Amino acid sequence: MDASANEGLELHLRQGFLHVPGEAHRRYLGECAVVAFLWSDPWIECIPLHNAAVGGFLLKMRTPAGDRVVDLRGFLREHDLDDMTNRLLSFSRDDRHAAWRALWIKAESLEAGS
């Protein structure tokens, strides 16, 4: 991942599937085909894994242009996050954790604040 620390990455989450356009995959993940996801309330973290043998989530090829998709439904359910949501996640690089982090505001948090 050779993106600058200030650069962001916006990805669409649709019905529990995270969509990664081919250009974004090449630019930010290179040859990486597997990622790990961690939940650290209120952050969702995406960590590129360079050895598929350690497990993780497969970045499945979706189109000939290199677009990829990751099935996060189980991960989202496991952490009581809405797995059928449609939202744009704005990831930013966190070099301390070698991860991409996006803020995830739960619906209950919004309702409690009103």
PDB file of N, CA and C in Angstrom:
ATOM      1  N   MET A   1       0.849  -1.176   0.000  1.00  0.00           N
ATOM      2  CA  MET A   1       0.000   0.000   0.000  1.00  0.00           C
ATOM      3  C   MET A   1       0.886   1.227   0.000  1.00  0.00           C
ATOM      4  N   ASP A   2       0.902   1.912  -1.102  1.00  0.00           N
ATOM      5  CA  ASP A   2       1.788   3.058  -1.173  1.00  0.00           C
ATOM      6  C   ASP A   2       1.011   4.370  -1.237  1.00  0.00           C
ATOM      7  N   ALA A   3      -0.106   4.438  -0.537  1.00  0.00           N
ATOM      8  CA  ALA A   3      -0.896   5.668  -0.498  1.00  0.00           C
ATOM      9  C   ALA A   3      -0.393   6.542   0.640  1.00  0.00           C
ATOM     10  N   SER A   4      -0.561   7.837   0.476  1.00  0.00           N
ATOM     11  CA  SER A   4      -0.129   8.743   1.542  1.00  0.00           C
ATOM     12  C   SER A   4      -1.067   8.631   2.726  1.00  0.00           C
ATOM     13  N   ALA A   5      -0.585   8.984   3.905  1.00  0.00           N
ATOM     14  CA  ALA A   5      -1.361   8.853   5.133  1.00  0.00           C
ATOM     15  C   ALA A   5      -2.607   9.722   5.120  1.00  0.00           C
ATOM     16  N   ASN A   6      -2.603  10.814   4.360  1.00  0.00           N
ATOM     17  CA  ASN A   6      -3.736  11.728   4.350  1.00  0.00           C
ATOM     18  C   ASN A   6      -4.784  11.358   3.306  1.00  0.00           C
ATOM     19  N   GLU A   7      -4.467  10.420   2.457  1.00  0.00           N
ATOM     20  CA  GLU A   7      -5.360  10.066   1.381  1.00  0.00           C
ATOM     21  C   GLU A   7      -6.464   9.146   1.898  1.00  0.00           C
ATOM     22  N   GLY A   8      -7.682   9.349   1.401  1.00  0.00           N
ATOM     23  CA  GLY A   8      -8.807   8.537   1.821  1.00  0.00           C
ATOM     24  C   GLY A   8      -9.241   7.566   0.745  1.00  0.00           C
ATOM     25  N   LEU A   9     -10.023   6.598   1.158  1.00  0.00           N
ATOM     26  CA  LEU A   9     -10.543   5.574   0.268  1.00  0.00           C
ATOM     27  C   LEU A   9     -12.011   5.392   0.594  1.00  0.00           C
ATOM     28  N   GLU A  10     -12.891   5.716  -0.346  1.00  0.00           N
ATOM     29  CA  GLU A  10     -14.325   5.567  -0.125  1.00  0.00           C
ATOM     30  C   GLU A  10     -14.815   4.321  -0.826  1.00  0.00           C
ATOM     31  N   LEU A  11     -15.462   3.444  -0.042  1.00  0.00           N
ATOM     32  CA  LEU A  11     -15.979   2.186  -0.568  1.00  0.00           C
ATOM     33  C   LEU A  11     -17.442   2.039  -0.203  1.00  0.00           C
ATOM     34  N   HIS A  12     -18.204   1.457  -1.105  1.00  0.00           N
ATOM     35  CA  HIS A  12     -19.630   1.240  -0.867  1.00  0.00           C
ATOM     36  C   HIS A  12     -19.868  -0.114  -0.216  1.00  0.00           C
ATOM     37  N   LEU A  13     -20.684  -0.106   0.821  1.00  0.00           N
ATOM     38  CA  LEU A  13     -21.156  -1.321   1.454  1.00  0.00           C
ATOM     39  C   LEU A  13     -22.614  -1.466   1.061  1.00  0.00           C
ATOM     40  N   ARG A  14     -22.927  -2.558   0.362  1.00  0.00           N
ATOM     41  CA  ARG A  14     -24.300  -2.785  -0.101  1.00  0.00           C
ATOM     42  C   ARG A  14     -24.755  -4.162   0.352  1.00  0.00           C
ATOM     43  N   GLN A  15     -25.782  -4.163   1.180  1.00  0.00           N
ATOM     44  CA  GLN A  15     -26.382  -5.414   1.648  1.00  0.00           C
ATOM     45  C   GLN A  15     -25.335  -6.382   2.211  1.00  0.00           C
ATOM     46  N   GLY A  16     -24.358  -5.840   2.925  1.00  0.00           N
ATOM     47  CA  GLY A  16     -23.350  -6.663   3.574  1.00  0.00           C
ATOM     48  C   GLY A  16     -22.132  -6.992   2.729  1.00  0.00           C
ATOM     49  N   PHE A  17     -22.086  -6.485   1.497  1.00  0.00           N
ATOM     50  CA  PHE A  17     -20.946  -6.726   0.616  1.00  0.00           C
ATOM     51  C   PHE A  17     -20.189  -5.424   0.388  1.00  0.00           C
ATOM     52  N   LEU A  18     -18.898  -5.440   0.681  1.00  0.00           N
ATOM     53  CA  LEU A  18     -18.054  -4.269   0.464  1.00  0.00           C
ATOM     54  C   LEU A  18     -17.497  -4.330  -0.954  1.00  0.00           C
ATOM     55  N   HIS A  19     -17.757  -3.288  -1.729  1.00  0.00           N
ATOM     56  CA  HIS A  19     -17.341  -3.234  -3.128  1.00  0.00           C
ATOM     57  C   HIS A  19     -16.059  -2.410  -3.257  1.00  0.00           C
ATOM     58  N   VAL A  20     -15.075  -2.999  -3.908  1.00  0.00           N
ATOM     59  CA  VAL A  20     -13.780  -2.355  -4.100  1.00  0.00           C
ATOM     60  C   VAL A  20     -13.529  -2.231  -5.603  1.00  0.00           C
ATOM     61  N   PRO A  21     -13.619  -1.007  -6.146  1.00  0.00           N
ATOM     62  CA  PRO A  21     -13.348  -0.837  -7.582  1.00  0.00           C
ATOM     63  C   PRO A  21     -11.934  -1.296  -7.931  1.00  0.00           C
ATOM     64  N   GLY A  22     -11.764  -1.786  -9.141  1.00  0.00           N
ATOM     65  CA  GLY A  22     -10.474  -2.307  -9.585  1.00  0.00           C
ATOM     66  C   GLY A  22      -9.341  -1.317  -9.409  1.00  0.00           C
ATOM     67  N   GLU A  23      -9.559  -0.062  -9.785  1.00  0.00           N
ATOM     68  CA  GLU A  23      -8.510   0.955  -9.658  1.00  0.00           C
ATOM     69  C   GLU A  23      -8.111   1.157  -8.199  1.00  0.00           C
ATOM     70  N   ALA A  24      -9.100   1.190  -7.301  1.00  0.00           N
ATOM     71  CA  ALA A  24      -8.796   1.344  -5.867  1.00  0.00           C
ATOM     72  C   ALA A  24      -8.028   0.127  -5.349  1.00  0.00           C
ATOM     73  N   HIS A  25      -8.414  -1.049  -5.806  1.00  0.00           N
ATOM     74  CA  HIS A  25      -7.704  -2.262  -5.376  1.00  0.00           C
ATOM     75  C   HIS A  25      -6.244  -2.211  -5.808  1.00  0.00           C
ATOM     76  N   ARG A  26      -6.016  -1.876  -7.061  1.00  0.00           N
ATOM     77  CA  ARG A  26      -4.630  -1.815  -7.559  1.00  0.00           C
ATOM     78  C   ARG A  26      -3.828  -0.738  -6.831  1.00  0.00           C
ATOM     79  N   ARG A  27      -4.436   0.412  -6.622  1.00  0.00           N
ATOM     80  CA  ARG A  27      -3.715   1.543  -6.026  1.00  0.00           C
ATOM     81  C   ARG A  27      -3.416   1.350  -4.533  1.00  0.00           C
ATOM     82  N   TYR A  28      -4.402   0.843  -3.789  1.00  0.00           N
ATOM     83  CA  TYR A  28      -4.249   0.779  -2.338  1.00  0.00           C
ATOM     84  C   TYR A  28      -3.903  -0.602  -1.795  1.00  0.00           C
ATOM     85  N   LEU A  29      -4.230  -1.653  -2.530  1.00  0.00           N
ATOM     86  CA  LEU A  29      -3.998  -3.000  -2.025  1.00  0.00           C
ATOM     87  C   LEU A  29      -3.016  -3.800  -2.866  1.00  0.00           C
ATOM     88  N   GLY A  30      -2.684  -3.296  -4.053  1.00  0.00           N
ATOM     89  CA  GLY A  30      -1.715  -3.982  -4.900  1.00  0.00           C
ATOM     90  C   GLY A  30      -2.156  -5.384  -5.258  1.00  0.00           C
ATOM     91  N   GLU A  31      -1.315  -6.352  -4.944  1.00  0.00           N
ATOM     92  CA  GLU A  31      -1.600  -7.750  -5.263  1.00  0.00           C
ATOM     93  C   GLU A  31      -2.364  -8.465  -4.143  1.00  0.00           C
ATOM     94  N   CYS A  32      -2.683  -7.760  -3.093  1.00  0.00           N
ATOM     95  CA  CYS A  32      -3.345  -8.364  -1.936  1.00  0.00           C
ATOM     96  C   CYS A  32      -4.717  -8.934  -2.318  1.00  0.00           C
ATOM     97  N   ALA A  33      -4.940 -10.208  -1.990  1.00  0.00           N
ATOM     98  CA  ALA A  33      -6.205 -10.866  -2.314  1.00  0.00           C
ATOM     99  C   ALA A  33      -7.022 -11.202  -1.066  1.00  0.00           C
ATOM    100  N   VAL A  34      -6.438 -10.980   0.124  1.00  0.00           N
ATOM    101  CA  VAL A  34      -7.102 -11.322   1.376  1.00  0.00           C
ATOM    102  C   VAL A  34      -6.913 -10.176   2.361  1.00  0.00           C
ATOM    103  N   VAL A  35      -7.978  -9.875   3.105  1.00  0.00           N
ATOM    104  CA  VAL A  35      -7.918  -8.823   4.123  1.00  0.00           C
ATOM    105  C   VAL A  35      -8.553  -9.336   5.411  1.00  0.00           C
ATOM    106  N   ALA A  36      -8.174  -8.737   6.512  1.00  0.00           N
ATOM    107  CA  ALA A  36      -8.799  -9.015   7.804  1.00  0.00           C
ATOM    108  C   ALA A  36      -9.627  -7.796   8.171  1.00  0.00           C
ATOM    109  N   PHE A  37     -10.709  -8.014   8.899  1.00  0.00           N
ATOM    110  CA  PHE A  37     -11.511  -6.918   9.412  1.00  0.00           C
ATOM    111  C   PHE A  37     -11.586  -7.035  10.916  1.00  0.00           C
ATOM    112  N   LEU A  38     -11.448  -5.897  11.581  1.00  0.00           N
ATOM    113  CA  LEU A  38     -11.548  -5.829  13.033  1.00  0.00           C
ATOM    114  C   LEU A  38     -12.575  -4.771  13.395  1.00  0.00           C
ATOM    115  N   TRP A  39     -13.291  -5.009  14.484  1.00  0.00           N
ATOM    116  CA  TRP A  39     -14.236  -4.028  15.001  1.00  0.00           C
ATOM    117  C   TRP A  39     -13.665  -3.464  16.287  1.00  0.00           C
ATOM    118  N   SER A  40     -13.467  -2.163  16.312  1.00  0.00           N
ATOM    119  CA  SER A  40     -12.985  -1.465  17.495  1.00  0.00           C
ATOM    120  C   SER A  40     -13.867  -0.229  17.641  1.00  0.00           C
ATOM    121  N   ASP A  41     -15.014  -0.415  18.263  1.00  0.00           N
ATOM    122  CA  ASP A  41     -16.083   0.580  18.345  1.00  0.00           C
ATOM    123  C   ASP A  41     -15.528   1.977  18.591  1.00  0.00           C
ATOM    124  N   PRO A  42     -15.793   2.926  17.741  1.00  0.00           N
ATOM    125  CA  PRO A  42     -16.713   2.957  16.606  1.00  0.00           C
ATOM    126  C   PRO A  42     -16.026   2.771  15.246  1.00  0.00           C
ATOM    127  N   TRP A  43     -14.899   2.078  15.218  1.00  0.00           N
ATOM    128  CA  TRP A  43     -14.133   1.942  13.983  1.00  0.00           C
ATOM    129  C   TRP A  43     -14.234   0.529  13.420  1.00  0.00           C
ATOM    130  N   ILE A  44     -14.294   0.455  12.105  1.00  0.00           N
ATOM    131  CA  ILE A  44     -14.131  -0.809  11.411  1.00  0.00           C
ATOM    132  C   ILE A  44     -12.773  -0.693  10.712  1.00  0.00           C
ATOM    133  N   GLU A  45     -11.931  -1.707  10.897  1.00  0.00           N
ATOM    134  CA  GLU A  45     -10.579  -1.667  10.351  1.00  0.00           C
ATOM    135  C   GLU A  45     -10.396  -2.764   9.312  1.00  0.00           C
ATOM    136  N   CYS A  46      -9.735  -2.412   8.242  1.00  0.00           N
ATOM    137  CA  CYS A  46      -9.412  -3.347   7.160  1.00  0.00           C
ATOM    138  C   CYS A  46      -7.894  -3.451   7.091  1.00  0.00           C
ATOM    139  N   ILE A  47      -7.386  -4.674   7.273  1.00  0.00           N
ATOM    140  CA  ILE A  47      -5.946  -4.908   7.290  1.00  0.00           C
ATOM    141  C   ILE A  47      -5.574  -5.839   6.132  1.00  0.00           C
ATOM    142  N   PRO A  48      -4.755  -5.363   5.201  1.00  0.00           N
ATOM    143  CA  PRO A  48      -4.309  -6.226   4.108  1.00  0.00           C
ATOM    144  C   PRO A  48      -3.450  -7.368   4.641  1.00  0.00           C
ATOM    145  N   LEU A  49      -3.709  -8.568   4.164  1.00  0.00           N
ATOM    146  CA  LEU A  49      -2.928  -9.733   4.556  1.00  0.00           C
ATOM    147  C   LEU A  49      -2.161 -10.208   3.334  1.00  0.00           C
ATOM    148  N   HIS A  50      -0.892 -10.378   3.483  1.00  0.00           N
ATOM    149  CA  HIS A  50      -0.071 -10.749   2.335  1.00  0.00           C
ATOM    150  C   HIS A  50       0.220 -12.243   2.288  1.00  0.00           C
ATOM    151  N   ASN A  51      -0.382 -12.972   3.206  1.00  0.00           N
ATOM    152  CA  ASN A  51      -0.252 -14.424   3.207  1.00  0.00           C
ATOM    153  C   ASN A  51      -1.646 -15.001   3.408  1.00  0.00           C
ATOM    154  N   ALA A  52      -2.248 -15.526   2.362  1.00  0.00           N
ATOM    155  CA  ALA A  52      -3.609 -16.049   2.425  1.00  0.00           C
ATOM    156  C   ALA A  52      -3.733 -17.226   3.387  1.00  0.00           C
ATOM    157  N   ALA A  53      -2.625 -17.852   3.737  1.00  0.00           N
ATOM    158  CA  ALA A  53      -2.662 -19.009   4.633  1.00  0.00           C
ATOM    159  C   ALA A  53      -3.111 -18.639   6.045  1.00  0.00           C
ATOM    160  N   VAL A  54      -3.040 -17.353   6.414  1.00  0.00           N
ATOM    161  CA  VAL A  54      -3.426 -16.951   7.765  1.00  0.00           C
ATOM    162  C   VAL A  54      -4.928 -16.746   7.895  1.00  0.00           C
ATOM    163  N   GLY A  55      -5.662 -16.851   6.803  1.00  0.00           N
ATOM    164  CA  GLY A  55      -7.116 -16.679   6.840  1.00  0.00           C
ATOM    165  C   GLY A  55      -7.508 -15.289   6.386  1.00  0.00           C
ATOM    166  N   GLY A  56      -8.685 -14.859   6.790  1.00  0.00           N
ATOM    167  CA  GLY A  56      -9.176 -13.541   6.417  1.00  0.00           C
ATOM    168  C   GLY A  56     -10.311 -13.614   5.416  1.00  0.00           C
ATOM    169  N   PHE A  57     -10.624 -12.471   4.853  1.00  0.00           N
ATOM    170  CA  PHE A  57     -11.721 -12.339   3.893  1.00  0.00           C
ATOM    171  C   PHE A  57     -11.149 -12.217   2.488  1.00  0.00           C
ATOM    172  N   LEU A  58     -11.658 -13.035   1.604  1.00  0.00           N
ATOM    173  CA  LEU A  58     -11.201 -13.041   0.216  1.00  0.00           C
ATOM    174  C   LEU A  58     -11.781 -11.851  -0.542  1.00  0.00           C
ATOM    175  N   LEU A  59     -10.927 -11.136  -1.256  1.00  0.00           N
ATOM    176  CA  LEU A  59     -11.358 -10.071  -2.163  1.00  0.00           C
ATOM    177  C   LEU A  59     -11.691 -10.752  -3.493  1.00  0.00           C
ATOM    178  N   LYS A  60     -12.949 -11.155  -3.639  1.00  0.00           N
ATOM    179  CA  LYS A  60     -13.354 -11.936  -4.810  1.00  0.00           C
ATOM    180  C   LYS A  60     -13.439 -11.054  -6.045  1.00  0.00           C
ATOM    181  N   MET A  61     -12.842 -11.542  -7.124  1.00  0.00           N
ATOM    182  CA  MET A  61     -12.890 -10.844  -8.409  1.00  0.00           C
ATOM    183  C   MET A  61     -14.335 -10.822  -8.889  1.00  0.00           C
ATOM    184  N   ARG A  62     -14.796  -9.624  -9.266  1.00  0.00           N
ATOM    185  CA  ARG A  62     -16.189  -9.482  -9.670  1.00  0.00           C
ATOM    186  C   ARG A  62     -16.338  -9.151 -11.146  1.00  0.00           C
ATOM    187  N   THR A  63     -15.390  -8.416 -11.697  1.00  0.00           N
ATOM    188  CA  THR A  63     -15.461  -8.012 -13.097  1.00  0.00           C
ATOM    189  C   THR A  63     -14.093  -8.154 -13.749  1.00  0.00           C
ATOM    190  N   PRO A  64     -14.067  -8.213 -15.091  1.00  0.00           N
ATOM    191  CA  PRO A  64     -12.777  -8.263 -15.793  1.00  0.00           C
ATOM    192  C   PRO A  64     -11.916  -7.018 -15.539  1.00  0.00           C
ATOM    193  N   ALA A  65     -12.548  -5.894 -15.135  1.00  0.00           N
ATOM    194  CA  ALA A  65     -11.807  -4.662 -14.851  1.00  0.00           C
ATOM    195  C   ALA A  65     -11.089  -4.721 -13.504  1.00  0.00           C
ATOM    196  N   GLY A  66     -11.269  -5.824 -12.760  1.00  0.00           N
ATOM    197  CA  GLY A  66     -10.575  -5.971 -11.483  1.00  0.00           C
ATOM    198  C   GLY A  66     -11.380  -5.539 -10.275  1.00  0.00           C
ATOM    199  N   ASP A  67     -12.662  -5.197 -10.470  1.00  0.00           N
ATOM    200  CA  ASP A  67     -13.500  -4.858  -9.327  1.00  0.00           C
ATOM    201  C   ASP A  67     -13.602  -6.078  -8.418  1.00  0.00           C
ATOM    202  N   ARG A  68     -13.587  -5.824  -7.119  1.00  0.00           N
ATOM    203  CA  ARG A  68     -13.621  -6.903  -6.131  1.00  0.00           C
ATOM    204  C   ARG A  68     -14.788  -6.686  -5.168  1.00  0.00           C
ATOM    205  N   VAL A  69     -15.142  -7.743  -4.471  1.00  0.00           N
ATOM    206  CA  VAL A  69     -16.196  -7.665  -3.465  1.00  0.00           C
ATOM    207  C   VAL A  69     -15.807  -8.569  -2.294  1.00  0.00           C
ATOM    208  N   VAL A  70     -16.162  -8.110  -1.083  1.00  0.00           N
ATOM    209  CA  VAL A  70     -15.890  -8.863   0.141  1.00  0.00           C
ATOM    210  C   VAL A  70     -17.224  -9.075   0.852  1.00  0.00           C
ATOM    211  N   ASP A  71     -17.521 -10.320   1.192  1.00  0.00           N
ATOM    212  CA  ASP A  71     -18.752 -10.647   1.912  1.00  0.00           C
ATOM    213  C   ASP A  71     -18.516 -10.428   3.406  1.00  0.00           C
ATOM    214  N   LEU A  72     -19.101  -9.356   3.937  1.00  0.00           N
ATOM    215  CA  LEU A  72     -18.921  -9.021   5.358  1.00  0.00           C
ATOM    216  C   LEU A  72     -20.151  -9.313   6.203  1.00  0.00           C
ATOM    217  N   ARG A  73     -21.145  -9.975   5.639  1.00  0.00           N
ATOM    218  CA  ARG A  73     -22.400 -10.184   6.383  1.00  0.00           C
ATOM    219  C   ARG A  73     -22.164 -10.886   7.717  1.00  0.00           C
ATOM    220  N   GLY A  74     -21.406 -11.958   7.740  1.00  0.00           N
ATOM    221  CA  GLY A  74     -21.145 -12.675   8.990  1.00  0.00           C
ATOM    222  C   GLY A  74     -20.385 -11.823   9.992  1.00  0.00           C
ATOM    223  N   PHE A  75     -19.385 -11.106   9.525  1.00  0.00           N
ATOM    224  CA  PHE A  75     -18.600 -10.218  10.391  1.00  0.00           C
ATOM    225  C   PHE A  75     -19.495  -9.144  11.007  1.00  0.00           C
ATOM    226  N   LEU A  76     -20.348  -8.538  10.191  1.00  0.00           N
ATOM    227  CA  LEU A  76     -21.224  -7.482  10.682  1.00  0.00           C
ATOM    228  C   LEU A  76     -22.210  -8.020  11.710  1.00  0.00           C
ATOM    229  N   ARG A  77     -22.803  -9.166  11.439  1.00  0.00           N
ATOM    230  CA  ARG A  77     -23.740  -9.785  12.400  1.00  0.00           C
ATOM    231  C   ARG A  77     -23.037 -10.117  13.715  1.00  0.00           C
ATOM    232  N   GLU A  78     -21.831 -10.652  13.616  1.00  0.00           N
ATOM    233  CA  GLU A  78     -21.067 -11.039  14.800  1.00  0.00           C
ATOM    234  C   GLU A  78     -20.837  -9.855  15.737  1.00  0.00           C
ATOM    235  N   HIS A  79     -20.754  -8.665  15.182  1.00  0.00           N
ATOM    236  CA  HIS A  79     -20.491  -7.459  15.976  1.00  0.00           C
ATOM    237  C   HIS A  79     -21.735  -6.586  16.136  1.00  0.00           C
ATOM    238  N   ASP A  80     -22.908  -7.176  15.923  1.00  0.00           N
ATOM    239  CA  ASP A  80     -24.196  -6.477  16.073  1.00  0.00           C
ATOM    240  C   ASP A  80     -24.273  -5.213  15.238  1.00  0.00           C
ATOM    241  N   LEU A  81     -23.714  -5.284  14.039  1.00  0.00           N
ATOM    242  CA  LEU A  81     -23.788  -4.176  13.090  1.00  0.00           C
ATOM    243  C   LEU A  81     -24.808  -4.556  12.022  1.00  0.00           C
ATOM    244  N   ASP A  82     -25.456  -3.578  11.458  1.00  0.00           N
ATOM    245  CA  ASP A  82     -26.493  -3.823  10.452  1.00  0.00           C
ATOM    246  C   ASP A  82     -25.880  -4.441   9.201  1.00  0.00           C
ATOM    247  N   ASP A  83     -26.200  -5.708   8.946  1.00  0.00           N
ATOM    248  CA  ASP A  83     -25.589  -6.405   7.804  1.00  0.00           C
ATOM    249  C   ASP A  83     -26.345  -6.159   6.500  1.00  0.00           C
ATOM    250  N   MET A  84     -27.459  -5.451   6.548  1.00  0.00           N
ATOM    251  CA  MET A  84     -28.215  -5.172   5.325  1.00  0.00           C
ATOM    252  C   MET A  84     -28.171  -3.684   4.964  1.00  0.00           C
ATOM    253  N   THR A  85     -27.298  -2.966   5.596  1.00  0.00           N
ATOM    254  CA  THR A  85     -27.182  -1.532   5.369  1.00  0.00           C
ATOM    255  C   THR A  85     -26.553  -1.221   4.007  1.00  0.00           C
ATOM    256  N   ASN A  86     -26.880  -0.075   3.493  1.00  0.00           N
ATOM    257  CA  ASN A  86     -26.213   0.481   2.320  1.00  0.00           C
ATOM    258  C   ASN A  86     -25.585   1.787   2.791  1.00  0.00           C
ATOM    259  N   ARG A  87     -24.269   1.862   2.718  1.00  0.00           N
ATOM    260  CA  ARG A  87     -23.589   3.084   3.164  1.00  0.00           C
ATOM    261  C   ARG A  87     -22.249   3.222   2.480  1.00  0.00           C
ATOM    262  N   LEU A  88     -21.778   4.443   2.485  1.00  0.00           N
ATOM    263  CA  LEU A  88     -20.443   4.752   1.975  1.00  0.00           C
ATOM    264  C   LEU A  88     -19.517   4.792   3.180  1.00  0.00           C
ATOM    265  N   LEU A  89     -18.459   4.006   3.126  1.00  0.00           N
ATOM    266  CA  LEU A  89     -17.477   4.000   4.204  1.00  0.00           C
ATOM    267  C   LEU A  89     -16.241   4.749   3.732  1.00  0.00           C
ATOM    268  N   SER A  90     -15.848   5.750   4.484  1.00  0.00           N
ATOM    269  CA  SER A  90     -14.666   6.554   4.166  1.00  0.00           C
ATOM    270  C   SER A  90     -13.497   6.057   5.002  1.00  0.00           C
ATOM    271  N   PHE A  91     -12.644   5.280   4.374  1.00  0.00           N
ATOM    272  CA  PHE A  91     -11.473   4.724   5.052  1.00  0.00           C
ATOM    273  C   PHE A  91     -10.306   5.690   4.955  1.00  0.00           C
ATOM    274  N   SER A  92      -9.531   5.759   6.010  1.00  0.00           N
ATOM    275  CA  SER A  92      -8.281   6.521   5.986  1.00  0.00           C
ATOM    276  C   SER A  92      -7.185   5.599   6.521  1.00  0.00           C
ATOM    277  N   ARG A  93      -5.997   5.838   6.065  1.00  0.00           N
ATOM    278  CA  ARG A  93      -4.856   4.998   6.418  1.00  0.00           C
ATOM    279  C   ARG A  93      -4.413   5.278   7.844  1.00  0.00           C
ATOM    280  N   ASP A  94      -4.229   4.227   8.636  1.00  0.00           N
ATOM    281  CA  ASP A  94      -3.710   4.322   9.998  1.00  0.00           C
ATOM    282  C   ASP A  94      -2.425   3.507  10.035  1.00  0.00           C
ATOM    283  N   ASP A  95      -1.304   4.177   9.878  1.00  0.00           N
ATOM    284  CA  ASP A  95      -0.025   3.480   9.810  1.00  0.00           C
ATOM    285  C   ASP A  95       0.359   2.800  11.123  1.00  0.00           C
ATOM    286  N   ARG A  96      -0.134   3.310  12.251  1.00  0.00           N
ATOM    287  CA  ARG A  96       0.175   2.667  13.538  1.00  0.00           C
ATOM    288  C   ARG A  96      -0.338   1.235  13.577  1.00  0.00           C
ATOM    289  N   HIS A  97      -1.491   1.008  12.934  1.00  0.00           N
ATOM    290  CA  HIS A  97      -2.088  -0.323  12.931  1.00  0.00           C
ATOM    291  C   HIS A  97      -1.927  -1.041  11.593  1.00  0.00           C
ATOM    292  N   ALA A  98      -1.235  -0.407  10.653  1.00  0.00           N
ATOM    293  CA  ALA A  98      -1.092  -0.961   9.294  1.00  0.00           C
ATOM    294  C   ALA A  98      -2.454  -1.328   8.740  1.00  0.00           C
ATOM    295  N   ALA A  99      -3.407  -0.429   8.919  1.00  0.00           N
ATOM    296  CA  ALA A  99      -4.792  -0.715   8.549  1.00  0.00           C
ATOM    297  C   ALA A  99      -5.444   0.498   7.895  1.00  0.00           C
ATOM    298  N   TRP A 100      -6.588   0.236   7.295  1.00  0.00           N
ATOM    299  CA  TRP A 100      -7.487   1.282   6.812  1.00  0.00           C
ATOM    300  C   TRP A 100      -8.652   1.301   7.781  1.00  0.00           C
ATOM    301  N   ARG A 101      -9.017   2.506   8.295  1.00  0.00           N
ATOM    302  CA  ARG A 101     -10.067   2.628   9.308  1.00  0.00           C
ATOM    303  C   ARG A 101     -11.194   3.506   8.805  1.00  0.00           C
ATOM    304  N   ALA A 102     -12.432   3.083   9.121  1.00  0.00           N
ATOM    305  CA  ALA A 102     -13.612   3.883   8.795  1.00  0.00           C
ATOM    306  C   ALA A 102     -14.488   3.981  10.031  1.00  0.00           C
ATOM    307  N   LEU A 103     -15.029   5.152  10.249  1.00  0.00           N
ATOM    308  CA  LEU A 103     -15.933   5.378  11.370  1.00  0.00           C
ATOM    309  C   LEU A 103     -17.281   4.742  11.053  1.00  0.00           C
ATOM    310  N   TRP A 104     -17.820   3.995  12.016  1.00  0.00           N
ATOM    311  CA  TRP A 104     -19.121   3.345  11.844  1.00  0.00           C
ATOM    312  C   TRP A 104     -20.018   3.834  12.978  1.00  0.00           C
ATOM    313  N   ILE A 105     -20.998   4.636  12.633  1.00  0.00           N
ATOM    314  CA  ILE A 105     -21.949   5.124  13.635  1.00  0.00           C
ATOM    315  C   ILE A 105     -23.148   4.182  13.612  1.00  0.00           C
ATOM    316  N   LYS A 106     -23.436   3.580  14.749  1.00  0.00           N
ATOM    317  CA  LYS A 106     -24.577   2.688  14.835  1.00  0.00           C
ATOM    318  C   LYS A 106     -25.868   3.505  14.890  1.00  0.00           C
ATOM    319  N   ALA A 107     -26.920   2.959  14.328  1.00  0.00           N
ATOM    320  CA  ALA A 107     -28.224   3.635  14.304  1.00  0.00           C
ATOM    321  C   ALA A 107     -28.683   3.994  15.708  1.00  0.00           C
ATOM    322  N   GLU A 108     -28.443   3.086  16.693  1.00  0.00           N
ATOM    323  CA  GLU A 108     -28.869   3.365  18.068  1.00  0.00           C
ATOM    324  C   GLU A 108     -28.153   4.588  18.627  1.00  0.00           C
ATOM    325  N   SER A 109     -26.912   4.801  18.225  1.00  0.00           N
ATOM    326  CA  SER A 109     -26.148   5.967  18.694  1.00  0.00           C
ATOM    327  C   SER A 109     -26.791   7.244  18.206  1.00  0.00           C
ATOM    328  N   LEU A 110     -27.279   7.233  16.979  1.00  0.00           N
ATOM    329  CA  LEU A 110     -27.927   8.415  16.421  1.00  0.00           C
ATOM    330  C   LEU A 110     -29.245   8.686  17.128  1.00  0.00           C
ATOM    331  N   GLU A 111     -30.006   7.624  17.408  1.00  0.00           N
ATOM    332  CA  GLU A 111     -31.288   7.782  18.069  1.00  0.00           C
ATOM    333  C   GLU A 111     -31.119   8.272  19.504  1.00  0.00           C
ATOM    334  N   ALA A 112     -30.091   7.825  20.200  1.00  0.00           N
ATOM    335  CA  ALA A 112     -29.837   8.238  21.575  1.00  0.00           C
ATOM    336  C   ALA A 112     -29.479   9.718  21.665  1.00  0.00           C
ATOM    337  N   GLY A 113     -28.858  10.236  20.616  1.00  0.00           N
ATOM    338  CA  GLY A 113     -28.438  11.635  20.615  1.00  0.00           C
ATOM    339  C   GLY A 113     -29.545  12.606  20.273  1.00  0.00           C
ATOM    340  N   SER A 114     -30.701  12.109  19.797  1.00  0.00           N
ATOM    341  CA  SER A 114     -31.773  13.043  19.400  1.00  0.00           C
ATOM    342  C   SER A 114     -32.754  13.328  20.497  1.00  0.00           C
TER     343      SER A 114
END
